[in-house]
Amino acid sequence: MNRRFYFRSTPISRLLILLGFGAAISLGACGEKLEAGSACPILCPNPDVQPRDTMVDGVAIDSTLAGFPAIGQENVLLLAARGDTLDTRVIFRFDSIGKTYPHPSAPADSFVNHVDSATLRVVLDTSTLNGVHALPSAPVTVELYDVDGPADTVAADLLPLFTPSRLLGSRTFLPDSLAKDTLFLPVSPAAVLTKIVTGARLRIGLRLVSTASTQLRIVSSSSLGATLRFKPASDTAVNVGLLSKTPADSTLLAFRSALQDYVITAKAAPSPPPNTISVGGFPARRTYLRFDLPSRIVDSSSVVRASLTLTQFPMRGSPSAQDSLAVYPFAVTAGTVVTDIARLMGFISVNSGLVTDSLRVVPADTGQRRLELVNIVRVWRNTNPDQTQRALILVVGAEGRNPAEATFFSSKAASDLRPRLQLTYVPKVTLGLP
């Protein structure tokens, strides 16, 4: 008995058949070697999605400014005697010393009419810095001068006060003795007593003297600060902390506090030549670089990597010219509406934690150097150009502590010496019907 079977075609069955037929056709189309990568963009991925490299001369602005950290903002006070390359002085302000003191055997405060064993205590920063010796190689003498005068912070007005007639005391240290961190420097008791009796300010300037090029790093008032100690009686000692009463403007209280101690420069290394940018030195320099990236890459690609190529100019007159120095790039997180470069540089906090991208150079060397910008690219990729400038700021890691300086040719130099940006990008794949 023959039986016949009939299959009824449902709408779902017909749909499955059509989908299978369409898939077979599309697979065959994708197997063809077509010249146009967008011949079947929906079902076939564009084969040309390999990362591409390009070198762009895209520095729109580069500018170097000096003066970092700002006066009074130093975490470490650099007292240097580096011969012809650097000479700095450290200023401490004791603008108020009490005329009375509490005596343990007296019912009321006693007037200071005698001063004995006056010393200035300072604490050294002996942390290890790459390229900077932790301790001097030869004996050093620290000299103390009375630098109270009409001037406040101008080096040209303060430096003439470092004269023999104003010497308050001095002490010589052997290199090994400086490992104890704390220095006690003698101060003339007669000078301290005169300041107390007359109600005058005591401002002490330190100068370093040595037969070798050397420097000391003194902890500033931002973390510890100096202390004046003296005995008004044989059984009593008085400690006086730093205090600045100038500027007198009550709206500048924060700046007044910052000027409790600071550094002035008596002699600095020669300035870099024209058509260069630089970082480091003392006072330290920072460099701002803003890039004009090609729209064909920015608008239609994903930048995955960038390398900044710099041509180094030799700074053989720099302090520590033969020692290595680390250069770090910081992303500019301000929008394009902020155009004040000095303000943009002030936003950078070097001590808040350095970025991982870095370039290590020797100031006296020359040649091409490459700085990877992996973290900078991440910032650029995740933000809109109007919200975050395509810019960076170069600084040295030990800013204000290591006076070495690295210099590079700027965008105004010859074409083969200018900064260049190498971009690695992936073109965006666009989908659409053929």
Protein backbone atom coordinates (compact mmCIF):
# COMPACT_ATOMS: atom_id res chain seq x y z
CA MET A 1 0.00 0.00 0.00
CA ASN A 2 1.54 3.16 -1.15
CA ARG A 3 1.25 6.17 1.04
CA ARG A 4 1.88 9.72 0.09
CA PHE A 5 3.18 12.29 2.58
CA TYR A 6 2.47 15.96 2.14
CA PHE A 7 4.38 18.73 3.90
CA ARG A 8 2.63 21.96 4.43
CA SER A 9 4.91 24.94 4.09
CA THR A 10 4.39 27.34 7.00
CA PRO A 11 5.46 31.01 6.99
CA ILE A 12 8.24 30.20 9.49
CA SER A 13 9.61 27.46 7.25
CA ARG A 14 9.67 29.74 4.28
CA LEU A 15 11.55 32.38 6.31
CA LEU A 16 14.21 29.88 7.37
CA ILE A 17 14.68 28.74 3.78
CA LEU A 18 15.13 32.32 2.58
CA LEU A 19 17.65 33.09 5.34
CA GLY A 20 19.69 30.03 4.49
CA PHE A 21 19.68 30.89 0.81
CA GLY A 22 20.75 34.47 1.56
CA ALA A 23 23.57 33.27 3.82
CA ALA A 24 24.90 30.98 1.10
CA ILE A 25 24.98 33.85 -1.39
CA SER A 26 26.67 36.21 1.04
CA LEU A 27 29.34 33.64 1.95
CA GLY A 28 30.17 33.26 -1.68
CA ALA A 29 30.37 37.01 -2.12
CA CYS A 30 32.69 37.34 0.84
CA GLY A 31 35.00 34.73 -0.60
CA GLU A 32 35.66 36.88 -3.66
CA LYS A 33 38.72 39.17 -3.75
CA LEU A 34 37.01 42.46 -4.41
CA GLU A 35 38.98 45.66 -4.82
CA ALA A 36 36.47 47.71 -2.87
CA GLY A 37 36.48 46.80 0.82
CA SER A 38 32.95 48.11 1.23
CA ALA A 39 31.37 45.92 -1.45
CA CYS A 40 29.64 43.89 1.26
CA PRO A 41 30.17 45.96 4.42
CA ILE A 42 27.36 44.47 6.51
CA LEU A 43 28.28 40.80 6.29
CA CYS A 44 32.00 41.10 5.49
CA PRO A 45 34.42 42.94 7.79
CA ASN A 46 36.70 45.41 6.07
CA PRO A 47 40.01 43.56 5.61
CA ASP A 48 42.08 46.79 5.86
CA VAL A 49 41.92 47.35 9.64
CA GLN A 50 45.57 46.82 10.52
CA PRO A 51 47.17 49.58 12.64
CA ARG A 52 48.90 52.26 10.60
CA ASP A 53 51.83 54.51 11.51
CA THR A 54 52.34 58.08 10.43
CA MET A 55 54.78 60.82 11.42
CA VAL A 56 53.24 64.29 11.72
CA ASP A 57 54.92 67.64 12.24
CA GLY A 58 51.93 68.65 14.32
CA VAL A 59 53.27 70.94 17.07
CA ALA A 60 51.04 74.01 16.93
CA ILE A 61 52.55 75.74 19.99
CA ASP A 62 55.60 75.04 22.13
CA SER A 63 56.63 77.34 24.95
CA THR A 64 59.05 77.16 27.88
CA LEU A 65 58.57 79.10 31.12
CA ALA A 66 60.86 79.25 34.17
CA GLY A 67 60.14 79.74 37.85
CA PHE A 68 58.93 76.39 39.19
CA PRO A 69 58.14 75.79 41.92
CA ALA A 70 57.05 79.36 42.62
CA ILE A 71 58.89 81.24 45.36
CA GLY A 72 57.58 80.15 48.75
CA GLN A 73 56.04 76.98 47.29
CA GLU A 74 59.20 74.87 47.59
CA ASN A 75 58.86 71.58 49.45
CA VAL A 76 62.65 71.42 49.60
CA LEU A 77 64.95 74.43 49.81
CA LEU A 78 67.99 73.98 47.57
CA LEU A 79 71.16 75.44 49.10
CA ALA A 80 73.72 75.07 46.31
CA ALA A 81 77.34 75.95 45.68
CA ARG A 82 77.89 74.50 42.22
CA GLY A 83 80.69 76.79 41.02
CA ASP A 84 79.90 78.52 37.74
CA THR A 85 76.69 76.56 37.18
CA LEU A 86 74.58 77.43 40.24
CA ASP A 87 74.69 79.45 43.49
CA THR A 88 71.57 79.70 45.66
CA ARG A 89 70.75 81.07 49.11
CA VAL A 90 68.02 80.08 51.56
CA ILE A 91 66.07 82.72 53.53
CA PHE A 92 64.34 82.09 56.90
CA ARG A 93 61.98 84.66 58.43
CA PHE A 94 61.46 85.11 62.16
CA ASP A 95 59.43 88.31 62.00
CA SER A 96 58.29 88.08 65.61
CA ILE A 97 60.29 86.97 68.65
CA GLY A 98 58.60 87.41 72.02
CA LYS A 99 60.13 89.78 74.56
CA THR A 100 59.01 87.58 77.45
CA TYR A 101 59.18 83.90 78.30
CA PRO A 102 57.58 81.64 80.94
CA HIS A 103 60.06 80.83 83.71
CA PRO A 104 59.25 77.69 85.71
CA SER A 105 60.09 79.34 89.07
CA ALA A 106 58.38 82.69 88.41
CA PRO A 107 54.65 83.38 88.81
CA ALA A 108 54.57 85.63 85.72
CA ASP A 109 56.42 85.77 82.43
CA SER A 110 59.93 87.14 82.59
CA PHE A 111 61.48 89.64 80.21
CA VAL A 112 64.28 88.44 77.95
CA ASN A 113 67.39 90.37 78.97
CA HIS A 114 69.92 87.65 78.23
CA VAL A 115 70.45 85.23 75.34
CA ASP A 116 72.76 82.26 75.39
CA SER A 117 73.39 79.24 73.11
CA ALA A 118 71.37 80.52 70.16
CA THR A 119 71.12 77.99 67.34
CA LEU A 120 69.16 77.53 64.13
CA ARG A 121 67.97 73.97 63.64
CA VAL A 122 67.34 72.80 60.07
CA VAL A 123 66.47 69.34 58.77
CA LEU A 124 68.04 67.96 55.61
CA ASP A 125 66.34 65.95 52.91
CA THR A 126 68.79 63.08 52.39
CA SER A 127 66.62 60.98 50.11
CA THR A 128 68.41 59.49 47.12
CA LEU A 129 68.01 61.23 43.78
CA ASN A 130 69.23 59.75 40.53
CA GLY A 131 72.16 61.83 39.31
CA VAL A 132 72.61 63.73 42.59
CA HIS A 133 75.01 62.67 45.31
CA ALA A 134 73.29 62.10 48.64
CA LEU A 135 76.16 63.69 50.60
CA PRO A 136 78.85 66.22 49.65
CA SER A 137 82.23 64.84 48.65
CA ALA A 138 84.17 67.47 50.61
CA PRO A 139 83.68 69.48 53.83
CA VAL A 140 81.07 72.23 53.59
CA THR A 141 80.62 75.41 55.57
CA VAL A 142 77.19 76.90 56.19
CA GLU A 143 77.30 80.65 56.79
CA LEU A 144 74.44 82.64 58.38
CA TYR A 145 73.80 86.30 57.60
CA ASP A 146 71.40 88.97 58.85
CA VAL A 147 69.41 89.79 55.68
CA ASP A 148 66.71 91.97 57.21
CA GLY A 149 66.15 95.00 55.02
CA PRO A 150 63.51 96.94 53.11
CA ALA A 151 63.39 94.33 50.33
CA ASP A 152 61.21 91.24 50.55
CA THR A 153 61.98 88.56 47.99
CA VAL A 154 63.97 90.25 45.22
CA ALA A 155 67.33 88.54 44.86
CA ALA A 156 69.05 91.69 43.57
CA ASP A 157 68.13 93.49 46.82
CA LEU A 158 68.91 90.62 49.21
CA LEU A 159 72.24 89.40 47.82
CA PRO A 160 74.20 92.58 48.78
CA LEU A 161 73.27 91.85 52.41
CA PHE A 162 75.51 88.77 52.45
CA THR A 163 78.51 90.76 53.73
CA PRO A 164 81.08 90.05 56.50
CA SER A 165 79.61 92.82 58.68
CA ARG A 166 76.28 90.95 58.74
CA LEU A 167 77.69 87.50 59.49
CA LEU A 168 75.74 85.85 62.34
CA GLY A 169 77.73 82.63 62.55
CA SER A 170 79.06 79.66 60.60
CA ARG A 171 79.81 75.97 61.02
CA THR A 172 81.78 73.47 58.96
CA PHE A 173 80.56 69.89 58.46
CA LEU A 174 82.37 66.81 57.30
CA PRO A 175 80.45 64.80 54.67
CA ASP A 176 79.69 61.87 56.98
CA SER A 177 78.27 64.13 59.68
CA LEU A 178 75.55 65.32 57.32
CA ALA A 179 73.98 61.86 57.29
CA LYS A 180 72.36 62.65 60.66
CA ASP A 181 69.73 64.78 58.87
CA THR A 182 69.57 67.55 61.48
CA LEU A 183 71.96 70.50 61.55
CA PHE A 184 72.42 72.92 64.46
CA LEU A 185 73.85 76.20 63.21
CA PRO A 186 75.20 78.79 65.66
CA VAL A 187 73.60 82.23 65.69
CA SER A 188 75.15 85.26 67.39
CA PRO A 189 73.45 85.57 70.82
CA ALA A 190 74.12 89.32 70.86
CA ALA A 191 72.37 89.76 67.52
CA VAL A 192 69.34 87.76 68.68
CA LEU A 193 69.11 89.78 71.91
CA THR A 194 69.26 93.05 69.97
CA LYS A 195 66.39 91.92 67.72
CA ILE A 196 64.30 90.98 70.78
CA VAL A 197 64.92 94.17 72.74
CA THR A 198 64.30 96.48 69.77
CA GLY A 199 61.36 94.48 68.42
CA ALA A 200 63.09 94.10 65.07
CA ARG A 201 62.72 91.21 62.63
CA LEU A 202 65.27 88.41 62.44
CA ARG A 203 65.79 87.19 58.92
CA ILE A 204 68.57 84.71 58.36
CA GLY A 205 70.14 83.96 55.00
CA LEU A 206 72.17 80.78 54.50
CA ARG A 207 75.12 80.51 52.14
CA LEU A 208 77.01 77.31 51.34
CA VAL A 209 80.79 77.35 50.89
CA SER A 210 82.90 74.40 49.73
CA THR A 211 85.98 73.57 47.69
CA ALA A 212 83.87 71.14 45.63
CA SER A 213 80.66 71.56 43.67
CA THR A 214 77.96 70.59 46.13
CA GLN A 215 74.46 71.25 47.46
CA LEU A 216 72.22 70.59 50.46
CA ARG A 217 68.46 70.07 50.42
CA ILE A 218 66.69 71.60 53.43
CA VAL A 219 63.14 70.65 54.41
CA SER A 220 60.85 73.68 54.11
CA SER A 221 58.13 75.02 56.39
CA SER A 222 55.50 73.26 54.27
CA SER A 223 56.38 70.03 56.11
CA LEU A 224 58.69 70.86 59.02
CA GLY A 225 60.67 74.10 58.80
CA ALA A 226 63.52 75.65 60.72
CA THR A 227 63.50 76.50 64.45
CA LEU A 228 65.40 79.15 66.38
CA ARG A 229 66.38 78.03 69.86
CA PHE A 230 68.05 80.04 72.63
CA LYS A 231 68.40 80.19 76.43
CA PRO A 232 67.16 83.35 78.18
CA ALA A 233 68.19 81.72 81.48
CA SER A 234 70.52 78.90 82.41
CA ASP A 235 67.61 76.54 83.17
CA THR A 236 65.19 77.59 80.42
CA ALA A 237 65.18 77.31 76.63
CA VAL A 238 62.87 79.02 74.15
CA ASN A 239 61.94 77.69 70.72
CA VAL A 240 60.80 80.15 68.04
CA GLY A 241 59.14 79.00 64.85
CA LEU A 242 59.17 80.65 61.43
CA LEU A 243 56.80 83.55 60.93
CA SER A 244 56.38 86.08 58.13
CA LYS A 245 54.43 89.29 58.56
CA THR A 246 54.87 90.47 55.01
CA PRO A 247 53.24 91.20 52.70
CA ALA A 248 51.11 93.25 55.09
CA ASP A 249 47.98 93.05 52.93
CA SER A 250 45.46 90.97 54.90
CA THR A 251 44.09 89.49 51.68
CA LEU A 252 47.43 87.77 51.06
CA LEU A 253 47.63 85.67 54.22
CA ALA A 254 48.35 82.47 52.28
CA PHE A 255 51.22 84.12 50.41
CA ARG A 256 52.54 85.58 53.67
CA SER A 257 52.67 82.10 55.19
CA ALA A 258 54.41 80.73 52.10
CA LEU A 259 57.19 83.30 52.51
CA GLN A 260 58.31 81.97 55.88
CA ASP A 261 61.20 80.44 53.96
CA TYR A 262 62.25 80.48 50.31
CA VAL A 263 65.19 80.31 47.90
CA ILE A 264 66.87 83.06 45.89
CA THR A 265 69.34 82.51 43.07
CA ALA A 266 72.70 84.29 43.16
CA LYS A 267 74.03 82.68 39.98
CA ALA A 268 72.23 80.44 37.50
CA ALA A 269 73.44 78.34 34.60
CA PRO A 270 73.42 80.01 31.15
CA SER A 271 70.01 80.17 29.50
CA PRO A 272 69.30 77.73 26.65
CA PRO A 273 69.85 79.09 23.13
CA PRO A 274 67.02 80.35 20.89
CA ASN A 275 64.82 77.87 19.02
CA THR A 276 64.92 75.40 21.92
CA ILE A 277 62.61 74.15 24.65
CA SER A 278 63.84 72.89 28.00
CA VAL A 279 62.89 71.32 31.33
CA GLY A 280 64.59 71.41 34.70
CA GLY A 281 67.34 73.75 35.82
CA PHE A 282 66.94 76.19 38.71
CA PRO A 283 64.57 77.89 38.97
CA ALA A 284 63.09 74.97 37.07
CA ARG A 285 61.62 75.27 33.58
CA ARG A 286 58.53 73.56 32.18
CA THR A 287 57.55 73.19 28.52
CA TYR A 288 54.05 73.31 27.04
CA LEU A 289 53.36 71.47 23.76
CA ARG A 290 50.03 71.65 21.92
CA PHE A 291 49.45 69.46 18.89
CA ASP A 292 47.48 70.09 15.73
CA LEU A 293 46.55 66.53 14.80
CA PRO A 294 45.40 65.77 11.21
CA SER A 295 41.61 65.69 10.98
CA ARG A 296 41.76 62.73 8.60
CA ILE A 297 43.20 60.71 11.48
CA VAL A 298 41.36 62.21 14.44
CA ASP A 299 37.92 62.23 12.80
CA SER A 300 38.02 58.87 11.03
CA SER A 301 40.45 56.79 13.12
CA SER A 302 41.19 55.58 16.62
CA VAL A 303 44.63 56.62 17.83
CA VAL A 304 46.02 53.78 19.90
CA ARG A 305 49.60 54.97 20.45
CA ALA A 306 51.72 58.09 20.14
CA SER A 307 55.45 58.73 20.45
CA LEU A 308 57.03 62.17 20.68
CA THR A 309 60.39 62.42 18.92
CA LEU A 310 62.66 65.16 20.23
CA THR A 311 66.15 66.17 19.15
CA GLN A 312 68.27 66.95 22.18
CA PHE A 313 70.55 69.96 22.36
CA PRO A 314 73.65 69.43 24.56
CA MET A 315 73.69 71.53 27.75
CA ARG A 316 77.26 70.91 28.89
CA GLY A 317 77.11 73.89 31.26
CA SER A 318 74.20 72.39 33.22
CA PRO A 319 74.72 71.24 36.80
CA SER A 320 75.13 67.43 36.84
CA ALA A 321 75.58 67.59 33.07
CA GLN A 322 76.91 64.01 32.90
CA ASP A 323 74.20 62.45 35.09
CA SER A 324 70.84 61.17 33.88
CA LEU A 325 67.65 63.13 34.34
CA ALA A 326 64.04 61.91 34.06
CA VAL A 327 61.53 63.88 31.95
CA TYR A 328 57.81 63.27 32.46
CA PRO A 329 54.80 64.29 30.32
CA PHE A 330 51.58 65.46 32.00
CA ALA A 331 48.31 65.73 30.11
CA VAL A 332 46.64 69.13 30.02
CA THR A 333 43.16 68.49 31.35
CA ALA A 334 41.84 72.01 30.83
CA GLY A 335 39.60 72.90 27.90
CA THR A 336 40.57 74.97 24.90
CA VAL A 337 39.08 78.10 26.50
CA VAL A 338 42.10 78.25 28.83
CA THR A 339 44.92 79.80 26.81
CA ASP A 340 47.16 81.20 29.58
CA ILE A 341 50.18 78.86 29.38
CA ALA A 342 51.55 79.92 32.78
CA ARG A 343 48.20 79.08 34.36
CA LEU A 344 48.09 75.71 32.60
CA MET A 345 51.56 74.90 33.89
CA GLY A 346 50.49 75.86 37.40
CA PHE A 347 47.77 73.19 37.33
CA ILE A 348 50.44 70.47 37.24
CA SER A 349 51.32 68.99 40.63
CA VAL A 350 54.59 67.11 40.19
CA ASN A 351 54.60 65.75 43.73
CA SER A 352 51.09 64.30 43.50
CA GLY A 353 52.45 61.22 41.70
CA LEU A 354 54.27 60.98 38.42
CA VAL A 355 52.87 59.38 35.30
CA THR A 356 54.41 56.14 34.10
CA ASP A 357 55.57 57.54 30.74
CA SER A 358 59.06 58.96 31.02
CA LEU A 359 62.23 59.77 29.13
CA ARG A 360 65.68 59.58 30.71
CA VAL A 361 68.38 61.78 29.22
CA VAL A 362 71.87 63.07 30.07
CA PRO A 363 71.98 66.90 29.79
CA ALA A 364 75.32 66.93 27.96
CA ASP A 365 74.20 64.45 25.28
CA THR A 366 72.73 65.13 21.86
CA GLY A 367 70.67 63.20 19.31
CA GLN A 368 67.10 62.02 18.82
CA ARG A 369 65.04 60.91 21.82
CA ARG A 370 61.65 59.20 21.85
CA LEU A 371 59.07 59.74 24.57
CA GLU A 372 56.13 57.33 24.65
CA LEU A 373 52.77 58.95 25.35
CA VAL A 374 50.66 55.93 26.25
CA ASN A 375 48.83 57.57 29.15
CA ILE A 376 48.43 60.85 27.31
CA VAL A 377 46.73 59.07 24.41
CA ARG A 378 44.28 57.43 26.81
CA VAL A 379 43.23 60.87 28.01
CA TRP A 380 42.87 62.14 24.44
CA ARG A 381 40.93 59.07 23.33
CA ASN A 382 38.40 59.31 26.16
CA THR A 383 37.66 63.03 25.96
CA ASN A 384 36.39 65.52 23.43
CA PRO A 385 38.98 67.93 21.94
CA ASP A 386 36.89 70.88 23.19
CA GLN A 387 36.99 69.51 26.74
CA THR A 388 40.64 68.49 26.84
CA GLN A 389 43.38 70.14 24.86
CA ARG A 390 45.55 67.93 22.69
CA ALA A 391 48.48 69.18 24.71
CA LEU A 392 51.00 68.13 27.33
CA ILE A 393 53.47 69.69 29.74
CA LEU A 394 57.01 68.36 30.18
CA VAL A 395 58.61 68.51 33.62
CA VAL A 396 61.51 66.88 35.45
CA GLY A 397 60.71 64.47 38.25
CA ALA A 398 63.00 66.04 40.89
CA GLU A 399 61.89 69.57 40.07
CA GLY A 400 63.45 72.12 42.42
CA ARG A 401 65.73 69.48 43.95
CA ASN A 402 67.85 68.42 40.98
CA PRO A 403 69.12 71.51 39.09
CA ALA A 404 70.11 69.56 35.97
CA GLU A 405 68.50 70.77 32.73
CA ALA A 406 67.53 68.99 29.51
CA THR A 407 67.10 71.00 26.30
CA PHE A 408 65.57 70.08 22.93
CA PHE A 409 65.08 71.83 19.62
CA SER A 410 61.71 73.56 19.23
CA SER A 411 59.25 73.86 16.36
CA LYS A 412 61.12 76.98 15.22
CA ALA A 413 64.33 75.03 14.55
CA ALA A 414 65.33 73.48 11.22
CA SER A 415 62.76 71.05 9.85
CA ASP A 416 64.86 67.95 10.58
CA LEU A 417 65.31 69.00 14.23
CA ARG A 418 61.73 69.89 15.16
CA PRO A 419 59.55 67.83 17.52
CA ARG A 420 57.48 65.23 15.69
CA LEU A 421 54.62 63.04 16.74
CA GLN A 422 54.38 59.45 15.50
CA LEU A 423 50.82 58.17 15.64
CA THR A 424 49.66 54.57 15.47
CA TYR A 425 45.98 54.47 14.55
CA VAL A 426 43.26 52.15 13.33
CA PRO A 427 40.84 53.45 10.68
CA LYS A 428 37.23 53.24 11.76
CA VAL A 429 35.14 50.62 9.90
CA THR A 430 31.97 52.08 8.39
CA LEU A 431 29.00 49.82 7.65
CA GLY A 432 26.41 50.37 4.97
CA LEU A 433 24.66 48.87 1.98
CA PRO A 434 26.57 48.55 -1.31
